[in-house]
Amino acid sequence: TGNTYSVRDFVIEALKAANLEPDVEKYVEYDKLMIRPAEVDTLVGDPKKANINLNWFATTKFAELVALMVNNDIELESSK
């Protein structure tokens, strides 16, 4: 979409979608050795080829997409 979001942004939206308080530290543990070095350039998807070749344009917002993913996973877990 040409927009940037962090993993933290994703986790916050996922917690909201799961009706949990968006407190990342409460729910997520991570290894500080796995954090990327500061010199990594910003990574942004470029949808130009899809726009031109497929006439495709993103219509789903970030928070909606995360909610769809979380709700699908919750549904899959519920059906086990």
PDB file of N, CA and C in Angstrom:
ATOM      1  N   THR A   1       0.809  -1.215   0.000  1.00  0.00           N
ATOM      2  CA  THR A   1       0.000   0.000   0.000  1.00  0.00           C
ATOM      3  C   THR A   1       0.841   1.263   0.000  1.00  0.00           C
ATOM      4  N   GLY A   2       2.132   1.124   0.181  1.00  0.00           N
ATOM      5  CA  GLY A   2       2.987   2.294   0.266  1.00  0.00           C
ATOM      6  C   GLY A   2       3.015   2.894   1.657  1.00  0.00           C
ATOM      7  N   ASN A   3       2.315   2.277   2.595  1.00  0.00           N
ATOM      8  CA  ASN A   3       2.301   2.751   3.983  1.00  0.00           C
ATOM      9  C   ASN A   3       3.233   1.888   4.817  1.00  0.00           C
ATOM     10  N   THR A   4       3.800   2.477   5.858  1.00  0.00           N
ATOM     11  CA  THR A   4       4.695   1.711   6.725  1.00  0.00           C
ATOM     12  C   THR A   4       4.040   1.474   8.081  1.00  0.00           C
ATOM     13  N   TYR A   5       4.239   0.277   8.586  1.00  0.00           N
ATOM     14  CA  TYR A   5       3.762  -0.097   9.912  1.00  0.00           C
ATOM     15  C   TYR A   5       4.835  -0.956  10.561  1.00  0.00           C
ATOM     16  N   SER A   6       4.973  -0.805  11.844  1.00  0.00           N
ATOM     17  CA  SER A   6       5.953  -1.603  12.576  1.00  0.00           C
ATOM     18  C   SER A   6       5.300  -2.895  13.058  1.00  0.00           C
ATOM     19  N   VAL A   7       6.137  -3.805  13.497  1.00  0.00           N
ATOM     20  CA  VAL A   7       5.625  -5.033  14.112  1.00  0.00           C
ATOM     21  C   VAL A   7       4.806  -4.652  15.341  1.00  0.00           C
ATOM     22  N   ARG A   8       5.278  -3.648  16.077  1.00  0.00           N
ATOM     23  CA  ARG A   8       4.541  -3.168  17.247  1.00  0.00           C
ATOM     24  C   ARG A   8       3.140  -2.701  16.846  1.00  0.00           C
ATOM     25  N   ASP A   9       3.039  -1.952  15.742  1.00  0.00           N
ATOM     26  CA  ASP A   9       1.733  -1.502  15.251  1.00  0.00           C
ATOM     27  C   ASP A   9       0.830  -2.699  14.973  1.00  0.00           C
ATOM     28  N   PHE A  10       1.408  -3.736  14.345  1.00  0.00           N
ATOM     29  CA  PHE A  10       0.639  -4.941  14.040  1.00  0.00           C
ATOM     30  C   PHE A  10       0.138  -5.608  15.315  1.00  0.00           C
ATOM     31  N   VAL A  11       1.022  -5.738  16.288  1.00  0.00           N
ATOM     32  CA  VAL A  11       0.653  -6.402  17.544  1.00  0.00           C
ATOM     33  C   VAL A  11      -0.448  -5.614  18.258  1.00  0.00           C
ATOM     34  N   ILE A  12      -0.336  -4.313  18.285  1.00  0.00           N
ATOM     35  CA  ILE A  12      -1.360  -3.482  18.938  1.00  0.00           C
ATOM     36  C   ILE A  12      -2.713  -3.703  18.265  1.00  0.00           C
ATOM     37  N   GLU A  13      -2.739  -3.678  16.944  1.00  0.00           N
ATOM     38  CA  GLU A  13      -4.005  -3.896  16.231  1.00  0.00           C
ATOM     39  C   GLU A  13      -4.523  -5.310  16.451  1.00  0.00           C
ATOM     40  N   ALA A  14      -3.624  -6.285  16.514  1.00  0.00           N
ATOM     41  CA  ALA A  14      -4.042  -7.670  16.762  1.00  0.00           C
ATOM     42  C   ALA A  14      -4.657  -7.816  18.152  1.00  0.00           C
ATOM     43  N   LEU A  15      -4.055  -7.176  19.130  1.00  0.00           N
ATOM     44  CA  LEU A  15      -4.601  -7.237  20.487  1.00  0.00           C
ATOM     45  C   LEU A  15      -5.979  -6.588  20.548  1.00  0.00           C
ATOM     46  N   LYS A  16      -6.127  -5.455  19.883  1.00  0.00           N
ATOM     47  CA  LYS A  16      -7.439  -4.791  19.837  1.00  0.00           C
ATOM     48  C   LYS A  16      -8.475  -5.706  19.185  1.00  0.00           C
ATOM     49  N   ALA A  17      -8.093  -6.335  18.075  1.00  0.00           N
ATOM     50  CA  ALA A  17      -9.023  -7.214  17.357  1.00  0.00           C
ATOM     51  C   ALA A  17      -9.440  -8.404  18.212  1.00  0.00           C
ATOM     52  N   ALA A  18      -8.555  -8.827  19.113  1.00  0.00           N
ATOM     53  CA  ALA A  18      -8.848  -9.956  19.998  1.00  0.00           C
ATOM     54  C   ALA A  18      -9.516  -9.486  21.296  1.00  0.00           C
ATOM     55  N   ASN A  19      -9.916  -8.228  21.314  1.00  0.00           N
ATOM     56  CA  ASN A  19     -10.567  -7.626  22.491  1.00  0.00           C
ATOM     57  C   ASN A  19      -9.698  -7.696  23.729  1.00  0.00           C
ATOM     58  N   LEU A  20      -8.391  -7.498  23.542  1.00  0.00           N
ATOM     59  CA  LEU A  20      -7.442  -7.419  24.652  1.00  0.00           C
ATOM     60  C   LEU A  20      -6.904  -6.004  24.725  1.00  0.00           C
ATOM     61  N   GLU A  21      -6.482  -5.603  25.913  1.00  0.00           N
ATOM     62  CA  GLU A  21      -5.914  -4.260  26.005  1.00  0.00           C
ATOM     63  C   GLU A  21      -4.630  -4.202  25.179  1.00  0.00           C
ATOM     64  N   PRO A  22      -4.441  -3.122  24.446  1.00  0.00           N
ATOM     65  CA  PRO A  22      -3.279  -3.042  23.549  1.00  0.00           C
ATOM     66  C   PRO A  22      -1.973  -2.719  24.287  1.00  0.00           C
ATOM     67  N   ASP A  23      -1.645  -3.547  25.252  1.00  0.00           N
ATOM     68  CA  ASP A  23      -0.427  -3.384  26.052  1.00  0.00           C
ATOM     69  C   ASP A  23       0.570  -4.447  25.607  1.00  0.00           C
ATOM     70  N   VAL A  24       1.440  -4.072  24.670  1.00  0.00           N
ATOM     71  CA  VAL A  24       2.363  -5.025  24.059  1.00  0.00           C
ATOM     72  C   VAL A  24       3.216  -5.722  25.109  1.00  0.00           C
ATOM     73  N   GLU A  25       3.738  -4.982  26.056  1.00  0.00           N
ATOM     74  CA  GLU A  25       4.627  -5.568  27.062  1.00  0.00           C
ATOM     75  C   GLU A  25       3.924  -6.626  27.911  1.00  0.00           C
ATOM     76  N   LYS A  26       2.627  -6.503  28.059  1.00  0.00           N
ATOM     77  CA  LYS A  26       1.869  -7.460  28.870  1.00  0.00           C
ATOM     78  C   LYS A  26       1.760  -8.828  28.172  1.00  0.00           C
ATOM     79  N   TYR A  27       1.719  -8.832  26.850  1.00  0.00           N
ATOM     80  CA  TYR A  27       1.438 -10.051  26.121  1.00  0.00           C
ATOM     81  C   TYR A  27       2.593 -10.604  25.288  1.00  0.00           C
ATOM     82  N   VAL A  28       3.618  -9.801  25.053  1.00  0.00           N
ATOM     83  CA  VAL A  28       4.659 -10.204  24.108  1.00  0.00           C
ATOM     84  C   VAL A  28       6.027 -10.243  24.774  1.00  0.00           C
ATOM     85  N   GLU A  29       6.718 -11.346  24.578  1.00  0.00           N
ATOM     86  CA  GLU A  29       8.113 -11.463  24.981  1.00  0.00           C
ATOM     87  C   GLU A  29       8.948 -11.539  23.715  1.00  0.00           C
ATOM     88  N   TYR A  30      10.118 -10.936  23.723  1.00  0.00           N
ATOM     89  CA  TYR A  30      10.983 -11.020  22.554  1.00  0.00           C
ATOM     90  C   TYR A  30      12.437 -11.013  22.977  1.00  0.00           C
ATOM     91  N   ASP A  31      13.255 -11.508  22.096  1.00  0.00           N
ATOM     92  CA  ASP A  31      14.691 -11.567  22.323  1.00  0.00           C
ATOM     93  C   ASP A  31      15.319 -10.310  21.738  1.00  0.00           C
ATOM     94  N   LYS A  32      15.932  -9.493  22.553  1.00  0.00           N
ATOM     95  CA  LYS A  32      16.519  -8.236  22.088  1.00  0.00           C
ATOM     96  C   LYS A  32      17.606  -8.452  21.045  1.00  0.00           C
ATOM     97  N   LEU A  33      18.177  -9.648  21.005  1.00  0.00           N
ATOM     98  CA  LEU A  33      19.180  -9.956  19.985  1.00  0.00           C
ATOM     99  C   LEU A  33      18.564 -10.029  18.588  1.00  0.00           C
ATOM    100  N   MET A  34      17.245 -10.187  18.528  1.00  0.00           N
ATOM    101  CA  MET A  34      16.577 -10.315  17.238  1.00  0.00           C
ATOM    102  C   MET A  34      16.131  -8.966  16.664  1.00  0.00           C
ATOM    103  N   ILE A  35      16.352  -7.875  17.383  1.00  0.00           N
ATOM    104  CA  ILE A  35      15.980  -6.554  16.896  1.00  0.00           C
ATOM    105  C   ILE A  35      16.942  -6.151  15.789  1.00  0.00           C
ATOM    106  N   ARG A  36      16.405  -5.621  14.701  1.00  0.00           N
ATOM    107  CA  ARG A  36      17.237  -5.197  13.580  1.00  0.00           C
ATOM    108  C   ARG A  36      18.119  -4.025  13.969  1.00  0.00           C
ATOM    109  N   PRO A  37      19.281  -3.949  13.371  1.00  0.00           N
ATOM    110  CA  PRO A  37      20.139  -2.790  13.629  1.00  0.00           C
ATOM    111  C   PRO A  37      19.483  -1.519  13.109  1.00  0.00           C
ATOM    112  N   ALA A  38      19.835  -0.394  13.701  1.00  0.00           N
ATOM    113  CA  ALA A  38      19.211   0.883  13.370  1.00  0.00           C
ATOM    114  C   ALA A  38      19.477   1.327  11.936  1.00  0.00           C
ATOM    115  N   GLU A  39      20.537   0.823  11.313  1.00  0.00           N
ATOM    116  CA  GLU A  39      20.872   1.304   9.975  1.00  0.00           C
ATOM    117  C   GLU A  39      20.036   0.676   8.855  1.00  0.00           C
ATOM    118  N   VAL A  40      19.131  -0.247   9.187  1.00  0.00           N
ATOM    119  CA  VAL A  40      18.273  -0.838   8.163  1.00  0.00           C
ATOM    120  C   VAL A  40      17.328   0.237   7.638  1.00  0.00           C
ATOM    121  N   ASP A  41      17.284   0.347   6.304  1.00  0.00           N
ATOM    122  CA  ASP A  41      16.378   1.326   5.697  1.00  0.00           C
ATOM    123  C   ASP A  41      14.937   0.934   5.969  1.00  0.00           C
ATOM    124  N   THR A  42      14.066   1.901   5.863  1.00  0.00           N
ATOM    125  CA  THR A  42      12.640   1.638   6.016  1.00  0.00           C
ATOM    126  C   THR A  42      12.185   0.741   4.870  1.00  0.00           C
ATOM    127  N   LEU A  43      11.424  -0.270   5.199  1.00  0.00           N
ATOM    128  CA  LEU A  43      10.912  -1.198   4.199  1.00  0.00           C
ATOM    129  C   LEU A  43       9.451  -0.869   3.912  1.00  0.00           C
ATOM    130  N   VAL A  44       9.167  -0.577   2.649  1.00  0.00           N
ATOM    131  CA  VAL A  44       7.815  -0.186   2.257  1.00  0.00           C
ATOM    132  C   VAL A  44       7.449  -0.919   0.980  1.00  0.00           C
ATOM    133  N   GLY A  45       6.296  -1.541   0.971  1.00  0.00           N
ATOM    134  CA  GLY A  45       5.822  -2.198  -0.241  1.00  0.00           C
ATOM    135  C   GLY A  45       5.427  -1.168  -1.291  1.00  0.00           C
ATOM    136  N   ASP A  46       5.683  -1.475  -2.542  1.00  0.00           N
ATOM    137  CA  ASP A  46       5.338  -0.579  -3.644  1.00  0.00           C
ATOM    138  C   ASP A  46       4.306  -1.271  -4.535  1.00  0.00           C
ATOM    139  N   PRO A  47       3.070  -0.805  -4.501  1.00  0.00           N
ATOM    140  CA  PRO A  47       2.006  -1.475  -5.255  1.00  0.00           C
ATOM    141  C   PRO A  47       1.905  -1.053  -6.722  1.00  0.00           C
ATOM    142  N   LYS A  48       2.866  -0.296  -7.236  1.00  0.00           N
ATOM    143  CA  LYS A  48       2.748   0.241  -8.604  1.00  0.00           C
ATOM    144  C   LYS A  48       2.523  -0.842  -9.656  1.00  0.00           C
ATOM    145  N   LYS A  49       3.292  -1.955  -9.577  1.00  0.00           N
ATOM    146  CA  LYS A  49       3.124  -3.012 -10.581  1.00  0.00           C
ATOM    147  C   LYS A  49       1.720  -3.600 -10.540  1.00  0.00           C
ATOM    148  N   ALA A  50       1.205  -3.823  -9.351  1.00  0.00           N
ATOM    149  CA  ALA A  50      -0.154  -4.364  -9.228  1.00  0.00           C
ATOM    150  C   ALA A  50      -1.169  -3.345  -9.742  1.00  0.00           C
ATOM    151  N   ASN A  51      -0.940  -2.070  -9.459  1.00  0.00           N
ATOM    152  CA  ASN A  51      -1.837  -1.019  -9.952  1.00  0.00           C
ATOM    153  C   ASN A  51      -1.865  -1.008 -11.476  1.00  0.00           C
ATOM    154  N   ILE A  52      -0.680  -1.052 -12.076  1.00  0.00           N
ATOM    155  CA  ILE A  52      -0.564  -0.936 -13.530  1.00  0.00           C
ATOM    156  C   ILE A  52      -0.968  -2.228 -14.228  1.00  0.00           C
ATOM    157  N   ASN A  53      -0.390  -3.349 -13.824  1.00  0.00           N
ATOM    158  CA  ASN A  53      -0.592  -4.607 -14.536  1.00  0.00           C
ATOM    159  C   ASN A  53      -1.908  -5.303 -14.232  1.00  0.00           C
ATOM    160  N   LEU A  54      -2.394  -5.135 -13.043  1.00  0.00           N
ATOM    161  CA  LEU A  54      -3.613  -5.844 -12.633  1.00  0.00           C
ATOM    162  C   LEU A  54      -4.804  -4.919 -12.381  1.00  0.00           C
ATOM    163  N   ASN A  55      -4.539  -3.618 -12.464  1.00  0.00           N
ATOM    164  CA  ASN A  55      -5.562  -2.625 -12.124  1.00  0.00           C
ATOM    165  C   ASN A  55      -6.100  -2.870 -10.710  1.00  0.00           C
ATOM    166  N   TRP A  56      -5.172  -3.271  -9.832  1.00  0.00           N
ATOM    167  CA  TRP A  56      -5.521  -3.577  -8.441  1.00  0.00           C
ATOM    168  C   TRP A  56      -5.105  -2.433  -7.535  1.00  0.00           C
ATOM    169  N   PHE A  57      -5.980  -2.040  -6.644  1.00  0.00           N
ATOM    170  CA  PHE A  57      -5.696  -1.001  -5.663  1.00  0.00           C
ATOM    171  C   PHE A  57      -6.175  -1.480  -4.302  1.00  0.00           C
ATOM    172  N   ALA A  58      -5.359  -1.288  -3.311  1.00  0.00           N
ATOM    173  CA  ALA A  58      -5.713  -1.723  -1.955  1.00  0.00           C
ATOM    174  C   ALA A  58      -6.953  -0.974  -1.477  1.00  0.00           C
ATOM    175  N   THR A  59      -7.895  -1.714  -0.935  1.00  0.00           N
ATOM    176  CA  THR A  59      -9.101  -1.091  -0.384  1.00  0.00           C
ATOM    177  C   THR A  59      -9.272  -1.409   1.096  1.00  0.00           C
ATOM    178  N   THR A  60      -8.540  -2.395   1.583  1.00  0.00           N
ATOM    179  CA  THR A  60      -8.631  -2.789   2.984  1.00  0.00           C
ATOM    180  C   THR A  60      -7.577  -2.035   3.790  1.00  0.00           C
ATOM    181  N   LYS A  61      -8.006  -1.363   4.813  1.00  0.00           N
ATOM    182  CA  LYS A  61      -7.091  -0.616   5.681  1.00  0.00           C
ATOM    183  C   LYS A  61      -6.320  -1.580   6.573  1.00  0.00           C
ATOM    184  N   PHE A  62      -5.190  -1.109   7.070  1.00  0.00           N
ATOM    185  CA  PHE A  62      -4.293  -1.912   7.901  1.00  0.00           C
ATOM    186  C   PHE A  62      -5.031  -2.557   9.075  1.00  0.00           C
ATOM    187  N   ALA A  63      -5.734  -1.756   9.863  1.00  0.00           N
ATOM    188  CA  ALA A  63      -6.426  -2.285  11.044  1.00  0.00           C
ATOM    189  C   ALA A  63      -7.474  -3.328  10.649  1.00  0.00           C
ATOM    190  N   GLU A  64      -8.156  -3.107   9.526  1.00  0.00           N
ATOM    191  CA  GLU A  64      -9.144  -4.077   9.050  1.00  0.00           C
ATOM    192  C   GLU A  64      -8.478  -5.397   8.664  1.00  0.00           C
ATOM    193  N   LEU A  65      -7.343  -5.307   7.987  1.00  0.00           N
ATOM    194  CA  LEU A  65      -6.624  -6.505   7.562  1.00  0.00           C
ATOM    195  C   LEU A  65      -6.156  -7.323   8.761  1.00  0.00           C
ATOM    196  N   VAL A  66      -5.603  -6.631   9.753  1.00  0.00           N
ATOM    197  CA  VAL A  66      -5.152  -7.326  10.964  1.00  0.00           C
ATOM    198  C   VAL A  66      -6.345  -7.990  11.648  1.00  0.00           C
ATOM    199  N   ALA A  67      -7.462  -7.285  11.739  1.00  0.00           N
ATOM    200  CA  ALA A  67      -8.660  -7.854  12.369  1.00  0.00           C
ATOM    201  C   ALA A  67      -9.142  -9.086  11.613  1.00  0.00           C
ATOM    202  N   LEU A  68      -9.115  -9.042  10.279  1.00  0.00           N
ATOM    203  CA  LEU A  68      -9.501 -10.216   9.485  1.00  0.00           C
ATOM    204  C   LEU A  68      -8.601 -11.403   9.805  1.00  0.00           C
ATOM    205  N   MET A  69      -7.306 -11.163   9.896  1.00  0.00           N
ATOM    206  CA  MET A  69      -6.352 -12.233  10.190  1.00  0.00           C
ATOM    207  C   MET A  69      -6.584 -12.816  11.579  1.00  0.00           C
ATOM    208  N   VAL A  70      -6.752 -11.943  12.570  1.00  0.00           N
ATOM    209  CA  VAL A  70      -6.960 -12.395  13.948  1.00  0.00           C
ATOM    210  C   VAL A  70      -8.274 -13.159  14.063  1.00  0.00           C
ATOM    211  N   ASN A  71      -9.326 -12.609  13.484  1.00  0.00           N
ATOM    212  CA  ASN A  71     -10.635 -13.269  13.573  1.00  0.00           C
ATOM    213  C   ASN A  71     -10.610 -14.635  12.883  1.00  0.00           C
ATOM    214  N   ASN A  72      -9.892 -14.742  11.778  1.00  0.00           N
ATOM    215  CA  ASN A  72      -9.755 -16.035  11.114  1.00  0.00           C
ATOM    216  C   ASN A  72      -9.036 -17.030  12.019  1.00  0.00           C
ATOM    217  N   ASP A  73      -7.959 -16.604  12.649  1.00  0.00           N
ATOM    218  CA  ASP A  73      -7.221 -17.504  13.546  1.00  0.00           C
ATOM    219  C   ASP A  73      -8.071 -17.916  14.742  1.00  0.00           C
ATOM    220  N   ILE A  74      -8.840 -16.982  15.278  1.00  0.00           N
ATOM    221  CA  ILE A  74      -9.719 -17.307  16.412  1.00  0.00           C
ATOM    222  C   ILE A  74     -10.766 -18.328  15.962  1.00  0.00           C
ATOM    223  N   GLU A  75     -11.319 -18.138  14.779  1.00  0.00           N
ATOM    224  CA  GLU A  75     -12.302 -19.083  14.256  1.00  0.00           C
ATOM    225  C   GLU A  75     -11.687 -20.476  14.044  1.00  0.00           C
ATOM    226  N   LEU A  76     -10.480 -20.504  13.480  1.00  0.00           N
ATOM    227  CA  LEU A  76      -9.807 -21.783  13.275  1.00  0.00           C
ATOM    228  C   LEU A  76      -9.551 -22.493  14.599  1.00  0.00           C
ATOM    229  N   GLU A  77      -9.117 -21.766  15.589  1.00  0.00           N
ATOM    230  CA  GLU A  77      -8.865 -22.372  16.906  1.00  0.00           C
ATOM    231  C   GLU A  77     -10.147 -22.844  17.562  1.00  0.00           C
ATOM    232  N   SER A  78     -11.227 -22.106  17.365  1.00  0.00           N
ATOM    233  CA  SER A  78     -12.509 -22.490  17.959  1.00  0.00           C
ATOM    234  C   SER A  78     -13.075 -23.765  17.361  1.00  0.00           C
ATOM    235  N   SER A  79     -12.726 -24.037  16.100  1.00  0.00           N
ATOM    236  CA  SER A  79     -13.280 -25.205  15.422  1.00  0.00           C
ATOM    237  C   SER A  79     -12.488 -26.474  15.689  1.00  0.00           C
ATOM    238  N   LYS A  80     -11.420 -26.403  16.452  1.00  0.00           N
ATOM    239  CA  LYS A  80     -10.621 -27.595  16.751  1.00  0.00           C
ATOM    240  C   LYS A  80     -11.260 -28.464  17.805  1.00  0.00           C
TER     241      LYS A  80
END
